[in-house]
N, C-alpha and C. Protein backbone atom coordinates (compact mmCIF):
# COMPACT_ATOMS: atom_id res chain seq x y z
N PRO A 1 30.73 137.84 8.92
CA PRO A 1 30.04 138.38 7.76
C PRO A 1 29.61 137.26 6.81
N ALA A 2 28.50 137.46 6.14
CA ALA A 2 28.00 136.51 5.15
C ALA A 2 27.58 137.28 3.91
N GLY A 3 27.87 136.70 2.76
CA GLY A 3 27.48 137.30 1.49
C GLY A 3 26.94 136.21 0.59
N LEU A 4 26.64 136.58 -0.65
CA LEU A 4 26.06 135.63 -1.59
C LEU A 4 26.52 135.98 -3.00
N ILE A 5 26.95 134.95 -3.72
CA ILE A 5 27.17 135.07 -5.16
C ILE A 5 26.37 133.94 -5.79
N ALA A 6 25.52 134.26 -6.74
CA ALA A 6 24.75 133.24 -7.44
C ALA A 6 24.66 133.64 -8.91
N TYR A 7 24.70 132.65 -9.77
CA TYR A 7 24.52 132.88 -11.19
C TYR A 7 23.30 132.10 -11.63
N GLY A 8 22.45 132.75 -12.36
CA GLY A 8 21.26 132.12 -12.91
C GLY A 8 20.92 132.87 -14.17
N ASP A 9 19.78 133.51 -14.20
CA ASP A 9 19.43 134.33 -15.34
C ASP A 9 20.29 135.59 -15.40
N GLN A 10 20.97 135.90 -14.29
CA GLN A 10 21.92 137.00 -14.19
C GLN A 10 22.86 136.72 -13.02
N ARG A 11 23.83 137.60 -12.82
CA ARG A 11 24.72 137.47 -11.67
C ARG A 11 24.04 138.15 -10.48
N TYR A 12 23.95 137.44 -9.38
CA TYR A 12 23.41 137.98 -8.15
C TYR A 12 24.55 138.09 -7.15
N ALA A 13 24.79 139.28 -6.64
CA ALA A 13 25.90 139.48 -5.70
C ALA A 13 25.43 140.33 -4.53
N LEU A 14 25.70 139.83 -3.36
CA LEU A 14 25.39 140.55 -2.13
C LEU A 14 26.67 140.56 -1.31
N PRO A 15 27.29 141.73 -1.13
CA PRO A 15 28.55 141.80 -0.39
C PRO A 15 28.42 141.26 1.03
N ALA A 16 29.50 140.68 1.51
CA ALA A 16 29.52 140.12 2.87
C ALA A 16 29.35 141.24 3.89
N GLU A 17 28.38 141.06 4.77
CA GLU A 17 28.10 142.01 5.84
C GLU A 17 27.65 141.26 7.07
N THR A 18 27.71 141.94 8.20
CA THR A 18 27.17 141.38 9.44
C THR A 18 25.87 142.09 9.75
N GLY A 19 25.20 141.64 10.75
CA GLY A 19 23.97 142.31 11.17
C GLY A 19 22.76 141.44 10.97
N SER A 20 21.73 141.76 11.71
CA SER A 20 20.52 140.95 11.71
C SER A 20 19.77 141.00 10.38
N GLY A 21 19.91 142.06 9.63
CA GLY A 21 19.20 142.18 8.37
C GLY A 21 19.84 141.42 7.22
N GLN A 22 21.08 140.97 7.39
CA GLN A 22 21.77 140.31 6.29
C GLN A 22 21.10 138.98 5.91
N PHE A 23 20.63 138.23 6.89
CA PHE A 23 19.94 136.98 6.59
C PHE A 23 18.71 137.25 5.72
N ASP A 24 17.94 138.28 6.05
CA ASP A 24 16.76 138.62 5.26
C ASP A 24 17.14 139.03 3.85
N ARG A 25 18.24 139.77 3.70
CA ARG A 25 18.69 140.18 2.36
C ARG A 25 19.09 138.95 1.54
N ILE A 26 19.80 138.02 2.17
CA ILE A 26 20.20 136.80 1.46
C ILE A 26 18.97 136.01 1.03
N MET A 27 18.00 135.87 1.91
CA MET A 27 16.78 135.13 1.57
C MET A 27 16.02 135.82 0.43
N GLU A 28 16.01 137.14 0.43
CA GLU A 28 15.35 137.89 -0.64
C GLU A 28 16.07 137.65 -1.97
N PHE A 29 17.41 137.69 -1.95
CA PHE A 29 18.18 137.42 -3.17
C PHE A 29 17.88 136.02 -3.69
N LEU A 30 17.83 135.03 -2.80
CA LEU A 30 17.55 133.67 -3.23
C LEU A 30 16.15 133.54 -3.81
N ALA A 31 15.20 134.24 -3.23
CA ALA A 31 13.82 134.20 -3.73
C ALA A 31 13.71 134.85 -5.11
N MET A 32 14.51 135.88 -5.37
CA MET A 32 14.46 136.58 -6.65
C MET A 32 15.22 135.86 -7.75
N SER A 33 16.21 135.07 -7.39
CA SER A 33 17.07 134.46 -8.41
C SER A 33 16.34 133.36 -9.16
N LYS A 34 16.75 133.18 -10.40
CA LYS A 34 16.17 132.15 -11.26
C LYS A 34 17.28 131.20 -11.67
N ALA A 35 17.02 129.92 -11.54
CA ALA A 35 18.02 128.90 -11.87
C ALA A 35 18.05 128.66 -13.37
N GLU A 36 18.30 129.72 -14.09
CA GLU A 36 18.39 129.67 -15.55
C GLU A 36 19.67 130.40 -15.92
N GLY A 37 20.34 129.95 -16.92
CA GLY A 37 21.53 130.64 -17.35
C GLY A 37 22.54 129.68 -17.94
N THR A 38 23.65 130.26 -18.37
CA THR A 38 24.66 129.46 -19.06
C THR A 38 26.01 129.47 -18.37
N THR A 39 26.17 130.22 -17.29
CA THR A 39 27.46 130.28 -16.60
C THR A 39 27.61 129.05 -15.71
N SER A 40 28.64 128.27 -16.01
CA SER A 40 28.88 127.06 -15.21
C SER A 40 29.67 127.41 -13.95
N LEU A 41 29.61 126.53 -13.00
CA LEU A 41 30.38 126.69 -11.77
C LEU A 41 31.87 126.71 -12.08
N GLU A 42 32.27 125.92 -13.05
CA GLU A 42 33.67 125.88 -13.48
C GLU A 42 34.13 127.24 -14.00
N GLU A 43 33.26 127.98 -14.67
CA GLU A 43 33.58 129.32 -15.16
C GLU A 43 33.50 130.36 -14.05
N LEU A 44 32.53 130.21 -13.17
CA LEU A 44 32.28 131.18 -12.12
C LEU A 44 33.43 131.29 -11.13
N LEU A 45 33.98 130.16 -10.69
CA LEU A 45 34.98 130.18 -9.62
C LEU A 45 36.21 131.01 -9.96
N PRO A 46 36.86 130.80 -11.11
CA PRO A 46 38.03 131.65 -11.40
C PRO A 46 37.66 133.12 -11.59
N HIS A 47 36.46 133.37 -12.09
CA HIS A 47 36.01 134.75 -12.31
C HIS A 47 35.79 135.50 -10.99
N GLU A 48 35.34 134.79 -9.97
CA GLU A 48 35.00 135.41 -8.69
C GLU A 48 36.05 135.18 -7.59
N GLU A 49 37.13 134.45 -7.88
CA GLU A 49 38.04 134.02 -6.82
C GLU A 49 38.68 135.16 -6.04
N GLN A 50 38.75 136.35 -6.60
CA GLN A 50 39.34 137.48 -5.87
C GLN A 50 38.51 137.87 -4.65
N LEU A 51 37.28 137.41 -4.57
CA LEU A 51 36.42 137.73 -3.43
C LEU A 51 36.82 136.99 -2.15
N TRP A 52 37.53 135.87 -2.29
CA TRP A 52 37.86 135.06 -1.13
C TRP A 52 39.35 135.11 -0.88
N GLY A 53 39.70 135.64 0.28
CA GLY A 53 41.10 135.77 0.65
C GLY A 53 41.48 134.79 1.74
N TYR A 54 42.67 134.96 2.20
CA TYR A 54 43.26 134.14 3.24
C TYR A 54 42.32 134.04 4.44
N HIS A 55 42.02 132.84 4.85
CA HIS A 55 41.17 132.52 6.01
C HIS A 55 39.70 132.91 5.85
N SER A 56 39.23 133.15 4.64
CA SER A 56 37.79 133.34 4.48
C SER A 56 37.15 131.97 4.25
N SER A 57 35.85 131.93 4.22
CA SER A 57 35.12 130.67 4.05
C SER A 57 34.19 130.76 2.86
N LEU A 58 34.01 129.63 2.21
CA LEU A 58 33.14 129.54 1.05
C LEU A 58 32.31 128.27 1.15
N VAL A 59 31.02 128.39 0.98
CA VAL A 59 30.14 127.23 0.91
C VAL A 59 29.54 127.22 -0.50
N VAL A 60 29.81 126.16 -1.24
CA VAL A 60 29.29 126.00 -2.59
C VAL A 60 28.10 125.05 -2.52
N ILE A 61 26.98 125.47 -3.07
CA ILE A 61 25.79 124.63 -3.13
C ILE A 61 25.52 124.36 -4.60
N THR A 62 25.57 123.08 -4.99
CA THR A 62 25.44 122.75 -6.40
C THR A 62 24.88 121.35 -6.60
N SER A 63 24.30 121.15 -7.77
CA SER A 63 23.89 119.81 -8.19
C SER A 63 24.75 119.35 -9.36
N SER A 64 25.78 120.11 -9.69
CA SER A 64 26.63 119.79 -10.84
C SER A 64 27.37 118.48 -10.63
N HIS A 65 27.32 117.64 -11.65
CA HIS A 65 28.05 116.37 -11.61
C HIS A 65 29.35 116.45 -12.42
N HIS A 66 29.63 117.60 -13.01
CA HIS A 66 30.86 117.79 -13.79
C HIS A 66 32.01 118.05 -12.83
N PRO A 67 33.10 117.29 -12.89
CA PRO A 67 34.19 117.44 -11.92
C PRO A 67 35.08 118.66 -12.14
N GLY A 68 34.97 119.36 -13.26
CA GLY A 68 35.88 120.46 -13.56
C GLY A 68 35.91 121.57 -12.53
N TRP A 69 34.79 121.86 -11.90
CA TRP A 69 34.73 122.95 -10.92
C TRP A 69 35.54 122.66 -9.67
N ILE A 70 35.84 121.41 -9.41
CA ILE A 70 36.61 121.07 -8.21
C ILE A 70 38.01 121.66 -8.29
N ASN A 71 38.58 121.78 -9.50
CA ASN A 71 39.91 122.38 -9.64
C ASN A 71 39.94 123.82 -9.15
N GLY A 72 38.88 124.57 -9.42
CA GLY A 72 38.80 125.94 -8.91
C GLY A 72 38.77 125.99 -7.40
N LEU A 73 38.09 125.02 -6.79
CA LEU A 73 38.06 124.96 -5.33
C LEU A 73 39.40 124.55 -4.76
N LYS A 74 40.11 123.66 -5.45
CA LYS A 74 41.44 123.25 -4.99
C LYS A 74 42.37 124.46 -4.91
N GLU A 75 42.27 125.35 -5.88
CA GLU A 75 43.10 126.56 -5.87
C GLU A 75 42.76 127.42 -4.66
N LEU A 76 41.49 127.55 -4.34
CA LEU A 76 41.09 128.33 -3.17
C LEU A 76 41.59 127.68 -1.88
N VAL A 77 41.53 126.36 -1.80
CA VAL A 77 42.04 125.65 -0.62
C VAL A 77 43.54 125.91 -0.46
N ARG A 78 44.28 125.90 -1.58
CA ARG A 78 45.72 126.21 -1.53
C ARG A 78 45.97 127.61 -0.97
N ARG A 79 45.02 128.51 -1.21
CA ARG A 79 45.13 129.88 -0.70
C ARG A 79 44.55 130.01 0.70
N ARG A 80 44.29 128.88 1.35
CA ARG A 80 43.79 128.80 2.72
C ARG A 80 42.38 129.34 2.90
N VAL A 81 41.58 129.22 1.87
CA VAL A 81 40.16 129.50 1.99
C VAL A 81 39.52 128.20 2.49
N LYS A 82 38.71 128.29 3.51
CA LYS A 82 38.01 127.10 4.03
C LYS A 82 36.79 126.87 3.15
N VAL A 83 36.75 125.69 2.52
CA VAL A 83 35.72 125.40 1.53
C VAL A 83 34.89 124.19 1.97
N ALA A 84 33.59 124.30 1.83
CA ALA A 84 32.67 123.18 2.01
C ALA A 84 31.75 123.14 0.79
N VAL A 85 31.34 121.94 0.42
CA VAL A 85 30.45 121.78 -0.72
C VAL A 85 29.19 121.04 -0.28
N ILE A 86 28.05 121.62 -0.59
CA ILE A 86 26.77 120.95 -0.37
C ILE A 86 26.31 120.46 -1.74
N LEU A 87 26.39 119.15 -1.93
CA LEU A 87 25.95 118.55 -3.19
C LEU A 87 24.47 118.23 -3.08
N LEU A 88 23.70 118.76 -4.00
CA LEU A 88 22.29 118.41 -4.08
C LEU A 88 22.20 117.20 -5.00
N ASP A 89 21.74 116.10 -4.49
CA ASP A 89 21.69 114.86 -5.25
C ASP A 89 20.58 114.94 -6.29
N ALA A 90 20.94 115.39 -7.48
CA ALA A 90 19.96 115.59 -8.55
C ALA A 90 19.26 114.29 -8.91
N GLN A 91 19.95 113.17 -8.76
CA GLN A 91 19.35 111.88 -9.09
C GLN A 91 18.13 111.60 -8.20
N SER A 92 18.20 112.01 -6.95
CA SER A 92 17.07 111.78 -6.05
C SER A 92 15.87 112.67 -6.40
N PHE A 93 16.11 113.70 -7.22
CA PHE A 93 15.04 114.58 -7.67
C PHE A 93 14.57 114.22 -9.08
N GLY A 94 15.06 113.07 -9.60
CA GLY A 94 14.60 112.60 -10.90
C GLY A 94 15.59 112.75 -12.04
N SER A 95 16.74 113.35 -11.81
CA SER A 95 17.74 113.48 -12.86
C SER A 95 18.51 112.17 -12.98
N MET A 96 19.19 111.97 -14.10
CA MET A 96 19.96 110.75 -14.26
C MET A 96 21.40 110.90 -13.75
N PHE A 97 21.79 112.09 -13.35
CA PHE A 97 23.17 112.34 -12.94
C PHE A 97 23.35 112.14 -11.44
N ASP A 98 24.46 111.51 -11.08
CA ASP A 98 24.75 111.18 -9.68
C ASP A 98 26.01 111.91 -9.25
N PRO A 99 25.90 112.90 -8.35
CA PRO A 99 27.08 113.65 -7.92
C PRO A 99 27.95 112.91 -6.90
N VAL A 100 27.50 111.77 -6.40
CA VAL A 100 28.26 111.04 -5.38
C VAL A 100 29.64 110.66 -5.89
N SER A 101 29.79 110.51 -7.20
CA SER A 101 31.10 110.15 -7.76
C SER A 101 32.15 111.23 -7.51
N LEU A 102 31.72 112.45 -7.16
CA LEU A 102 32.66 113.54 -6.89
C LEU A 102 33.20 113.51 -5.46
N ILE A 103 32.57 112.76 -4.58
CA ILE A 103 32.93 112.75 -3.16
C ILE A 103 34.40 112.40 -2.92
N PRO A 104 34.95 111.34 -3.51
CA PRO A 104 36.37 111.02 -3.24
C PRO A 104 37.32 112.15 -3.63
N GLU A 105 37.07 112.81 -4.76
CA GLU A 105 37.94 113.91 -5.18
C GLU A 105 37.83 115.10 -4.22
N LEU A 106 36.65 115.38 -3.74
CA LEU A 106 36.48 116.46 -2.76
C LEU A 106 37.23 116.13 -1.47
N HIS A 107 37.07 114.92 -0.99
CA HIS A 107 37.79 114.51 0.23
C HIS A 107 39.31 114.63 0.03
N SER A 108 39.82 114.14 -1.09
CA SER A 108 41.27 114.17 -1.31
C SER A 108 41.80 115.59 -1.45
N ALA A 109 40.94 116.53 -1.82
CA ALA A 109 41.34 117.94 -1.93
C ALA A 109 41.21 118.67 -0.61
N GLY A 110 40.76 117.99 0.43
CA GLY A 110 40.58 118.64 1.73
C GLY A 110 39.32 119.48 1.80
N ILE A 111 38.34 119.14 0.98
CA ILE A 111 37.08 119.87 0.92
C ILE A 111 35.99 119.02 1.56
N ALA A 112 35.28 119.60 2.52
CA ALA A 112 34.22 118.88 3.22
C ALA A 112 32.98 118.78 2.34
N PRO A 113 32.57 117.55 1.97
CA PRO A 113 31.35 117.38 1.17
C PRO A 113 30.15 117.02 2.04
N PHE A 114 29.04 117.64 1.75
CA PHE A 114 27.77 117.32 2.40
C PHE A 114 26.80 116.93 1.28
N LEU A 115 25.94 115.97 1.51
CA LEU A 115 25.02 115.51 0.48
C LEU A 115 23.59 115.68 0.97
N VAL A 116 22.77 116.34 0.15
CA VAL A 116 21.35 116.53 0.46
C VAL A 116 20.54 115.86 -0.64
N ARG A 117 19.70 114.93 -0.21
CA ARG A 117 18.83 114.21 -1.13
C ARG A 117 17.38 114.65 -0.92
N LYS A 118 16.56 114.41 -1.92
CA LYS A 118 15.13 114.71 -1.81
C LYS A 118 14.57 114.01 -0.58
N GLY A 119 13.85 114.76 0.24
CA GLY A 119 13.23 114.20 1.43
C GLY A 119 14.11 114.20 2.67
N ASP A 120 15.39 114.55 2.52
CA ASP A 120 16.29 114.59 3.68
C ASP A 120 15.89 115.69 4.65
N SER A 121 16.19 115.46 5.90
CA SER A 121 16.16 116.54 6.89
C SER A 121 17.42 117.35 6.64
N ILE A 122 17.28 118.60 6.25
CA ILE A 122 18.46 119.40 5.91
C ILE A 122 19.37 119.57 7.11
N PRO A 123 18.87 119.89 8.32
CA PRO A 123 19.79 119.98 9.46
C PRO A 123 20.57 118.69 9.69
N LEU A 124 19.92 117.55 9.52
CA LEU A 124 20.62 116.28 9.71
C LEU A 124 21.64 116.05 8.60
N ALA A 125 21.27 116.33 7.35
CA ALA A 125 22.19 116.14 6.23
C ALA A 125 23.42 117.02 6.35
N LEU A 126 23.26 118.20 6.95
CA LEU A 126 24.39 119.13 7.08
C LEU A 126 25.13 118.97 8.41
N SER A 127 24.73 118.02 9.23
CA SER A 127 25.37 117.85 10.53
C SER A 127 26.67 117.05 10.46
N GLN A 128 26.90 116.36 9.35
CA GLN A 128 28.16 115.62 9.20
C GLN A 128 28.51 115.53 7.72
N THR A 129 29.82 115.50 7.46
CA THR A 129 30.26 115.38 6.08
C THR A 129 29.84 114.02 5.54
N TYR A 130 29.63 113.97 4.24
CA TYR A 130 29.21 112.73 3.61
C TYR A 130 30.44 111.88 3.33
N THR A 131 30.33 110.62 3.66
CA THR A 131 31.40 109.68 3.36
C THR A 131 30.83 108.53 2.56
N LEU A 132 31.70 107.86 1.85
CA LEU A 132 31.28 106.68 1.11
C LEU A 132 31.07 105.54 2.10
N PRO A 133 30.34 104.51 1.74
CA PRO A 133 29.96 103.46 2.69
C PRO A 133 31.08 102.87 3.54
N ASN A 134 32.31 102.79 3.08
CA ASN A 134 33.40 102.18 3.85
C ASN A 134 34.15 103.18 4.71
N GLN A 135 33.68 104.42 4.81
CA GLN A 135 34.37 105.45 5.57
C GLN A 135 33.53 105.86 6.77
N MET A 136 34.21 106.40 7.78
CA MET A 136 33.52 106.91 8.97
C MET A 136 33.13 108.37 8.74
N PRO A 137 31.92 108.80 9.12
CA PRO A 137 31.53 110.21 8.96
C PRO A 137 32.28 111.10 9.93
N GLU A 138 32.43 112.35 9.52
CA GLU A 138 33.09 113.35 10.36
C GLU A 138 32.02 114.28 10.92
N ALA A 139 31.73 114.17 12.19
CA ALA A 139 30.70 115.01 12.81
C ALA A 139 31.15 116.46 12.86
N GLY A 140 30.25 117.36 12.49
CA GLY A 140 30.49 118.79 12.61
C GLY A 140 31.57 119.33 11.72
N SER A 141 32.00 118.59 10.70
CA SER A 141 33.06 119.09 9.81
C SER A 141 32.47 119.94 8.73
């Protein structure tokens, strides 16, 4: 099953379901959502954490450079939720903030980080976890 929680101009929630139509519903939700709003990822995670139970999976897609939200993910990892983070490198899109500084903390928390930069091949960027220059990449993690 796959679902979607997004916060922007409002809360967007699509319950986890299986079936061929679920992908289309998720794409429709993403097309309708607006990246405007005041709810931070740090606020969202504790508010929504009841949605993820033992052995469920969560993929967080964010460009946030604030480290506070990682604590919410650490709690989910302790509860055996499998967590991956796709960091959108806002700096490569013209912002002054660099999310790469969060990579060591994500690794130490047992959270798989993936990094997507402007111009990247998304399938290639998501094919291995991001590591800092002195580390070996983990294929398929």
